[in-house]
Amino acid sequence: MKLSSQKGFTLVELMVVIVIVSIVASLILVNMDSIDHRKVMQAREVLIMDLQRVARESQDQSKILALSLNPSIENNNYQYKIVEYIPFEKSSKKPLIQLDQQWLFYKEFKARELPNDVYVQITPTQYIFENAGNQDLLNDRAPKLIWLGNGEVKPVTIQFYHRQKPIGAEIKIDYLGKIHAS
């Protein structure tokens, strides 16, 4: 009797190897995506804690503070920082060029950088400040999220985006400074 020697692989063996490789590759890709998702959710929680801290500090010290969102200079990330409103003296004659200098970096709070490919959108909600006398805080050049120093806030909705996809629920801040995050 002749024994036939087998050279090569059968179609079933090749299919099994392809299935195993594709399962391992999909698990690796899912795990990589979940790491990014966790980083974004962690940054979201840190922002919520920072917002609570700034709200307390603004009310305790009667300072007008605001959240400023800027692209980072060093890399492609965004960063957020807290700025303080410094009103001009009515008697001082400042030129119009210095209007942006009313919002100065608040030194008690360090700027925080967001993870790669993360963007935060701050959308003001409609609220009418009937007795507002300071238009510097309400105009379009002012930051969108402002704590007014008396417990009130310009109400906003904050949404985190990672690669243009919304991550987590919206963070809503009402005019009394209450943060609604789920």
Foldseek 3Di string as FASTA:
>chain_A
DDDDDDDDDDPVVVVVVVVVVVVVVVVVVVVVVVVVLVLQVVVVVVVVVVLVVVLVVLQVVVWKKFKDWAQDPPDRWIKIFIWTAADDDPPDDDDPVCLVVRTHGDPVIDIDTGDPQKDKDKAFDDDDPPPDDDCSCVDPVHHQWINRSNQFIRWIWMFMDHNNHTRADIWTAHGNGDTDGD
